[in-house]
Amino acid sequence: MQNAESDMTLKSKRMKRLLSLVFLGILIIMAVRYIEFSIVELISAIPKIIAFIMTDFFPPNLSDVQEYVKPVIDTLFISIIATSISSFVAMFFALMMSYKTTPHPIVRIVTRGIVTFFRSLPFLLWASMLVVILGVGPLPGVMGLILFGSAFLARVYAESIEELSPDSLEALDATGATYGQKIKHAVIPQFLPSFFSWTLFMFEINIRASAILGIVGAGGVGVLIKETMDLFQYGKTATVLLIMIIMILFVEYLTNRIRRRLI
């Protein structure tokens, strides 16, 4: 009897898996037909892209490389400020969002709704709107990254808090500890490794994102990318991209070293 039930369960799982694959295949076919995607055009475009990069982007033009120092530093400092502020804002929202630390279920629902709203809009859209409101410069870029970063970090912080062991919280509950004492002595010590890991990861994301912000006038090295592309100075664009790649690789190396020491 048990073998028959086991066979039925196995067949049911296989059928569900097969139906899922069929549904996925139909969805892909519909998407391809709807946007009129052609694999032939994609393959034929690759040589054109490679030829354009090799002929127009290389070799990089290093004649004005000293002028790129300030935008690169702007990009780095924008990322540092945005990551620092968004991590503290996100920590507050995460405590309100997690079912283990929220003061009330209604607070959890409202907070999750707010975070979902801000996370749904891309940082580039936030920066574009803020440029219209605040004008061109690094401020709208910083604010755009803060809004997006706070929402992203709040979500992952909250999930990390919910994965913590409940033993410490239950022990403090039994002793009549206050909400603040439970956060300080039970949540924070366990959560710190995840906090450092996700915050450093957000810093890496912000470095890449801040390079794009300049395209909408929100400061950083993206301004140089847009200017050189608009003037068809692709050799200078290649130089800016090369600097960005070096900076990102250095930041990744540095954050990995910091992560290994702190976690």
Protein backbone atom coordinates (compact mmCIF):
# COMPACT_ATOMS: atom_id res chain seq x y z
CA MET A 1 0.00 0.00 0.00
CA GLN A 2 2.81 2.37 0.93
CA ASN A 3 4.66 1.52 -2.29
CA ALA A 4 1.55 2.34 -4.34
CA GLU A 5 1.17 5.70 -2.56
CA SER A 6 4.87 6.41 -3.10
CA ASP A 7 4.55 5.62 -6.83
CA MET A 8 1.51 7.92 -7.09
CA THR A 9 3.37 10.73 -5.36
CA LEU A 10 6.37 10.25 -7.66
CA LYS A 11 4.15 10.26 -10.76
CA SER A 12 2.38 13.39 -9.50
CA LYS A 13 5.70 15.20 -9.03
CA ARG A 14 6.87 14.15 -12.50
CA MET A 15 3.61 15.35 -14.03
CA LYS A 16 3.86 18.71 -12.26
CA ARG A 17 7.47 19.07 -13.42
CA LEU A 18 6.48 18.20 -16.99
CA LEU A 19 3.58 20.66 -16.97
CA SER A 20 5.87 23.37 -15.59
CA LEU A 21 8.39 22.77 -18.39
CA VAL A 22 5.62 22.81 -21.01
CA PHE A 23 4.25 26.06 -19.58
CA LEU A 24 7.73 27.62 -19.56
CA GLY A 25 8.30 26.53 -23.18
CA ILE A 26 4.97 28.04 -24.29
CA LEU A 27 5.78 31.26 -22.44
CA ILE A 28 9.18 31.55 -24.16
CA ILE A 29 7.65 30.92 -27.60
CA MET A 30 4.96 33.56 -26.95
CA ALA A 31 7.60 36.08 -25.85
CA VAL A 32 9.75 35.41 -28.93
CA ARG A 33 6.78 35.81 -31.28
CA TYR A 34 5.44 38.89 -29.51
CA ILE A 35 8.66 40.93 -29.70
CA GLU A 36 9.56 39.39 -33.08
CA PHE A 37 12.89 38.20 -31.77
CA SER A 38 15.21 36.61 -34.31
CA ILE A 39 18.17 34.45 -33.30
CA VAL A 40 19.60 34.97 -36.82
CA GLU A 41 19.66 38.75 -36.32
CA LEU A 42 21.24 38.29 -32.90
CA ILE A 43 24.05 36.13 -34.27
CA SER A 44 24.62 38.43 -37.27
CA ALA A 45 24.84 41.45 -34.94
CA ILE A 46 27.71 40.00 -32.90
CA PRO A 47 30.44 40.55 -35.57
CA LYS A 48 29.22 44.14 -36.04
CA ILE A 49 29.46 44.82 -32.32
CA ILE A 50 32.94 43.32 -32.11
CA ALA A 51 34.10 45.28 -35.16
CA PHE A 52 32.73 48.54 -33.71
CA ILE A 53 34.46 47.98 -30.37
CA MET A 54 37.78 46.99 -31.92
CA THR A 55 37.89 49.84 -34.46
CA ASP A 56 36.30 52.77 -32.58
CA PHE A 57 36.94 52.01 -28.90
CA PHE A 58 40.53 50.79 -29.15
CA PRO A 59 43.07 51.92 -28.39
CA PRO A 60 41.84 54.02 -25.42
CA ASN A 61 42.61 57.74 -25.63
CA LEU A 62 44.72 58.66 -22.58
CA SER A 63 45.33 62.30 -23.50
CA ASP A 64 42.89 63.78 -20.93
CA VAL A 65 43.12 61.07 -18.29
CA GLN A 66 43.91 63.63 -15.54
CA GLU A 67 40.45 65.17 -16.07
CA TYR A 68 38.81 61.89 -15.11
CA VAL A 69 40.13 61.87 -11.55
CA LYS A 70 37.44 64.11 -10.04
CA PRO A 71 34.45 62.26 -11.58
CA VAL A 72 35.93 58.94 -10.44
CA ILE A 73 36.35 60.28 -6.88
CA ASP A 74 32.78 61.65 -7.07
CA THR A 75 31.55 58.18 -8.01
CA LEU A 76 33.40 56.60 -5.08
CA PHE A 77 32.17 59.15 -2.53
CA ILE A 78 28.58 59.02 -3.82
CA SER A 79 28.65 55.27 -3.25
CA ILE A 80 30.12 55.59 0.25
CA ILE A 81 27.55 58.19 1.37
CA ALA A 82 24.60 56.35 -0.18
CA THR A 83 25.62 52.99 1.30
CA SER A 84 26.22 54.42 4.78
CA ILE A 85 22.88 56.22 5.00
CA SER A 86 20.82 53.49 3.35
CA SER A 87 22.23 50.80 5.67
CA PHE A 88 21.03 52.63 8.79
CA VAL A 89 17.65 53.49 7.27
CA ALA A 90 17.24 49.90 6.10
CA MET A 91 18.09 48.56 9.56
CA PHE A 92 15.16 50.46 11.08
CA PHE A 93 12.74 49.25 8.41
CA ALA A 94 14.04 45.68 8.68
CA LEU A 95 13.29 45.59 12.41
CA MET A 96 9.77 46.82 11.67
CA MET A 97 9.34 44.30 8.82
CA SER A 98 10.56 41.10 10.44
CA TYR A 99 7.87 39.12 12.25
CA LYS A 100 10.42 38.40 15.00
CA THR A 101 11.08 42.05 15.81
CA THR A 102 8.08 44.07 14.62
CA PRO A 103 6.18 45.87 17.41
CA HIS A 104 2.82 45.00 15.82
CA PRO A 105 1.57 43.04 12.77
CA ILE A 106 0.03 46.19 11.28
CA VAL A 107 3.41 47.95 11.48
CA ARG A 108 4.94 45.00 9.63
CA ILE A 109 2.35 45.14 6.83
CA VAL A 110 2.61 48.93 6.38
CA THR A 111 6.41 48.86 6.42
CA ARG A 112 6.55 46.05 3.88
CA GLY A 113 4.23 48.01 1.61
CA ILE A 114 6.45 51.11 1.78
CA VAL A 115 9.62 49.12 1.12
CA THR A 116 8.01 47.23 -1.77
CA PHE A 117 6.98 50.52 -3.37
CA PHE A 118 10.47 52.02 -3.22
CA ARG A 119 12.12 48.77 -4.32
CA SER A 120 9.83 48.46 -7.34
CA LEU A 121 11.23 51.58 -9.02
CA PRO A 122 14.78 51.34 -10.47
CA PHE A 123 17.42 53.68 -9.07
CA LEU A 124 17.87 55.28 -12.50
CA LEU A 125 14.19 56.30 -12.51
CA TRP A 126 14.53 57.78 -9.03
CA ALA A 127 17.62 59.70 -10.14
CA SER A 128 15.86 60.98 -13.28
CA MET A 129 12.95 62.34 -11.25
CA LEU A 130 15.22 63.86 -8.62
CA VAL A 131 17.32 65.60 -11.29
CA VAL A 132 14.14 67.33 -12.48
CA ILE A 133 13.30 68.35 -8.88
CA LEU A 134 16.77 69.19 -7.51
CA GLY A 135 18.74 69.98 -10.66
CA VAL A 136 21.91 68.49 -12.12
CA GLY A 137 24.59 67.34 -9.67
CA PRO A 138 25.56 64.58 -7.27
CA LEU A 139 22.70 65.21 -4.79
CA PRO A 140 19.94 63.55 -6.86
CA GLY A 141 22.30 60.65 -7.53
CA VAL A 142 22.98 60.16 -3.82
CA MET A 143 19.28 60.38 -2.97
CA GLY A 144 18.34 57.97 -5.76
CA LEU A 145 20.82 55.40 -4.49
CA ILE A 146 19.65 55.92 -0.90
CA LEU A 147 16.01 55.31 -1.81
CA PHE A 148 16.77 52.19 -3.83
CA GLY A 149 19.49 50.90 -1.49
CA SER A 150 17.37 51.36 1.64
CA ALA A 151 14.52 49.36 0.12
CA PHE A 152 16.83 46.60 -1.12
CA LEU A 153 18.75 46.30 2.14
CA ALA A 154 15.58 46.45 4.26
CA ARG A 155 14.27 43.40 2.45
CA VAL A 156 17.44 41.30 2.80
CA TYR A 157 18.09 42.49 6.37
CA ALA A 158 14.55 41.48 7.35
CA GLU A 159 14.97 38.04 5.79
CA SER A 160 18.28 37.59 7.64
CA ILE A 161 16.66 38.57 10.95
CA GLU A 162 13.84 36.07 10.38
CA GLU A 163 16.44 33.32 9.91
CA LEU A 164 18.04 33.99 13.30
CA SER A 165 17.69 31.47 16.09
CA PRO A 166 14.69 32.35 18.32
CA ASP A 167 16.27 30.90 21.47
CA SER A 168 17.85 34.15 22.66
CA LEU A 169 14.65 36.13 22.08
CA GLU A 170 12.58 33.54 23.94
CA ALA A 171 15.03 33.57 26.85
CA LEU A 172 14.88 37.35 27.13
CA ASP A 173 11.10 37.25 26.83
CA ALA A 174 11.01 34.92 29.82
CA THR A 175 13.06 37.37 31.88
CA GLY A 176 10.73 40.27 31.02
CA ALA A 177 13.27 42.17 28.89
CA THR A 178 12.16 45.29 27.05
CA TYR A 179 11.95 45.57 23.27
CA GLY A 180 15.20 47.54 23.13
CA GLN A 181 17.02 45.02 25.32
CA LYS A 182 15.90 42.13 23.08
CA ILE A 183 17.15 43.94 19.98
CA LYS A 184 20.45 44.86 21.62
CA HIS A 185 21.29 41.53 23.26
CA ALA A 186 19.54 38.93 21.07
CA VAL A 187 19.13 40.29 17.53
CA ILE A 188 22.12 42.55 16.87
CA PRO A 189 24.89 40.10 17.91
CA GLN A 190 23.49 37.36 15.66
CA PHE A 191 22.65 39.71 12.81
CA LEU A 192 25.98 41.56 12.52
CA PRO A 193 27.67 39.09 10.10
CA SER A 194 24.73 39.35 7.68
CA PHE A 195 24.67 43.13 8.15
CA PHE A 196 28.31 43.50 7.13
CA SER A 197 28.00 41.05 4.25
CA TRP A 198 24.91 42.65 2.68
CA THR A 199 26.16 46.22 3.29
CA LEU A 200 29.45 45.53 1.53
CA PHE A 201 27.54 43.89 -1.32
CA MET A 202 25.36 47.01 -1.56
CA PHE A 203 28.49 49.16 -1.75
CA GLU A 204 29.68 47.16 -4.76
CA ILE A 205 26.27 47.61 -6.40
CA ASN A 206 26.35 51.36 -5.73
CA ILE A 207 29.78 51.69 -7.37
CA ARG A 208 28.37 50.21 -10.57
CA ALA A 209 25.10 52.12 -10.29
CA SER A 210 26.74 55.48 -9.68
CA ALA A 211 28.61 55.09 -12.97
CA ILE A 212 25.24 55.04 -14.74
CA LEU A 213 23.74 57.94 -12.79
CA GLY A 214 25.76 60.49 -14.75
CA ILE A 215 23.84 59.58 -17.89
CA VAL A 216 20.79 61.35 -16.42
CA GLY A 217 22.88 64.22 -15.01
CA ALA A 218 23.19 62.89 -11.47
CA GLY A 219 26.96 63.23 -11.17
CA GLY A 220 29.78 60.71 -11.16
CA VAL A 221 31.83 59.19 -13.93
CA GLY A 222 28.69 58.50 -15.96
CA VAL A 223 28.76 62.16 -17.02
CA LEU A 224 32.02 61.50 -18.85
CA ILE A 225 30.59 58.40 -20.51
CA LYS A 226 27.61 60.36 -21.81
CA GLU A 227 29.67 63.37 -22.95
CA THR A 228 32.26 61.32 -24.80
CA MET A 229 29.62 59.10 -26.42
CA ASP A 230 27.57 62.13 -27.54
CA LEU A 231 30.71 63.65 -29.13
CA PHE A 232 31.66 60.32 -30.76
CA GLN A 233 34.94 60.33 -28.80
CA TYR A 234 34.87 56.58 -28.33
CA GLY A 235 38.57 56.36 -27.49
CA LYS A 236 37.94 58.55 -24.43
CA THR A 237 34.85 56.50 -23.59
CA ALA A 238 37.06 53.40 -23.62
CA THR A 239 39.44 55.11 -21.18
CA VAL A 240 36.59 55.94 -18.79
CA LEU A 241 35.28 52.38 -18.99
CA LEU A 242 38.78 51.02 -18.35
CA ILE A 243 39.09 53.22 -15.26
CA MET A 244 35.66 52.02 -14.09
CA ILE A 245 36.64 48.37 -14.54
CA ILE A 246 39.84 48.86 -12.55
CA MET A 247 37.98 50.69 -9.78
CA ILE A 248 35.25 48.02 -9.57
CA LEU A 249 37.82 45.20 -9.43
CA PHE A 250 39.71 47.04 -6.67
CA VAL A 251 36.51 47.65 -4.70
CA GLU A 252 35.53 43.97 -5.03
CA TYR A 253 38.97 42.90 -3.82
CA LEU A 254 38.80 45.34 -0.90
CA THR A 255 35.28 44.38 0.18
CA ASN A 256 36.15 40.68 -0.01
CA ARG A 257 39.13 41.29 2.29
CA ILE A 258 36.97 43.27 4.71
CA ARG A 259 34.22 40.63 4.58
CA ARG A 260 36.67 37.85 5.46
CA ARG A 261 37.97 39.82 8.45
CA LEU A 262 34.58 40.85 9.84
CA ILE A 263 32.55 37.69 9.22
